[in-house]
Amino acid sequence: MLTAPAPEIKRRGVGAFDEALAEGPLCLIRNNRPAYVLLSFDAFRELEDAATLSRVAASEEDVRAGRVARGTADELTAVLAGD
């Protein structure tokens, strides 16, 4: 992963890093430590999509394993509230 000092964003603007972002995420360093990750919108969407697929797969596994409770919203809320 490429790195750059965080103040460079303020000094040069995000557009100055377009070429670096084409290669992948950019780690921004502040006080000599990794502080932020800058990534393209397409890369962000890919991460979001992967996270969504992972959550759906985990939910499907819960259903197959019988780790679900069925009922109305009111019934489930009562169970969660301990009523």
Protein backbone atom coordinates (compact mmCIF):
# COMPACT_ATOMS: atom_id res chain seq x y z
CA MET A 1 0.00 0.00 0.00
CA LEU A 2 1.33 3.41 -0.91
CA THR A 3 1.74 6.01 1.83
CA ALA A 4 1.68 9.81 2.02
CA PRO A 5 1.79 12.34 4.83
CA ALA A 6 -1.73 13.48 5.80
CA PRO A 7 -0.88 17.21 5.46
CA GLU A 8 -0.21 16.59 1.75
CA ILE A 9 -3.96 16.26 1.21
CA LYS A 10 -4.48 19.79 2.53
CA ARG A 11 -1.49 21.16 0.66
CA ARG A 12 -2.04 19.47 -2.71
CA GLY A 13 -5.71 18.40 -2.64
CA VAL A 14 -7.12 14.93 -3.13
CA GLY A 15 -6.85 15.17 -6.91
CA ALA A 16 -3.07 15.15 -6.62
CA PHE A 17 -3.31 11.51 -5.54
CA ASP A 18 -5.43 10.22 -8.42
CA GLU A 19 -2.48 8.42 -9.99
CA ALA A 20 -1.57 6.71 -6.72
CA LEU A 21 -5.20 5.73 -6.12
CA ALA A 22 -5.29 4.01 -9.51
CA GLU A 23 -2.81 1.54 -8.01
CA GLY A 24 -4.88 0.93 -4.88
CA PRO A 25 -5.64 2.44 -1.46
CA LEU A 26 -3.36 5.13 -0.07
CA CYS A 27 -2.37 5.09 3.60
CA LEU A 28 -2.12 8.59 5.07
CA ILE A 29 0.44 9.09 7.81
CA ARG A 30 -0.05 11.54 10.67
CA ASN A 31 2.50 11.94 13.47
CA ASN A 32 4.56 9.13 11.93
CA ARG A 33 1.69 6.65 12.30
CA PRO A 34 -0.90 5.31 9.85
CA ALA A 35 -4.00 7.41 10.44
CA TYR A 36 -6.33 7.16 7.44
CA VAL A 37 -6.90 5.16 4.28
CA LEU A 38 -7.89 6.96 1.11
CA LEU A 39 -9.46 4.84 -1.59
CA SER A 40 -11.36 5.35 -4.81
CA PHE A 41 -15.13 5.25 -4.77
CA ASP A 42 -15.08 2.06 -6.86
CA ALA A 43 -12.80 0.39 -4.31
CA PHE A 44 -15.08 1.55 -1.51
CA ARG A 45 -18.13 0.08 -3.28
CA GLU A 46 -16.29 -3.23 -3.73
CA LEU A 47 -15.61 -3.34 0.01
CA GLU A 48 -19.25 -2.51 0.77
CA ASP A 49 -20.48 -5.20 -1.61
CA ALA A 50 -18.13 -7.80 -0.10
CA ALA A 51 -19.29 -6.89 3.43
CA THR A 52 -22.93 -7.17 2.38
CA LEU A 53 -22.37 -10.59 0.80
CA SER A 54 -20.59 -11.74 3.95
CA ARG A 55 -23.49 -10.61 6.16
CA VAL A 56 -26.02 -12.33 3.90
CA ALA A 57 -24.00 -15.56 3.95
CA ALA A 58 -23.79 -15.43 7.76
CA SER A 59 -27.56 -14.86 7.97
CA GLU A 60 -28.24 -17.76 5.66
CA GLU A 61 -26.03 -19.97 7.82
CA ASP A 62 -27.98 -18.86 10.91
CA VAL A 63 -31.23 -19.90 9.20
CA ARG A 64 -29.80 -23.31 8.20
CA ALA A 65 -28.50 -23.87 11.74
CA GLY A 66 -31.83 -22.91 13.31
CA ARG A 67 -30.44 -19.83 15.05
CA VAL A 68 -33.39 -17.64 14.13
CA ALA A 69 -36.57 -16.61 15.91
CA ARG A 70 -39.71 -16.07 13.92
CA GLY A 71 -42.58 -13.85 14.95
CA THR A 72 -44.03 -10.40 14.61
CA ALA A 73 -41.95 -7.32 15.29
CA ASP A 74 -43.82 -6.82 18.56
CA GLU A 75 -43.17 -10.42 19.64
CA LEU A 76 -39.47 -10.20 18.85
CA THR A 77 -39.18 -6.82 20.59
CA ALA A 78 -40.78 -8.32 23.70
CA VAL A 79 -38.31 -11.21 23.65
CA LEU A 80 -35.38 -8.81 23.36
CA ALA A 81 -36.77 -6.64 26.17
CA GLY A 82 -37.11 -9.70 28.39
CA ASP A 83 -40.89 -9.45 28.71
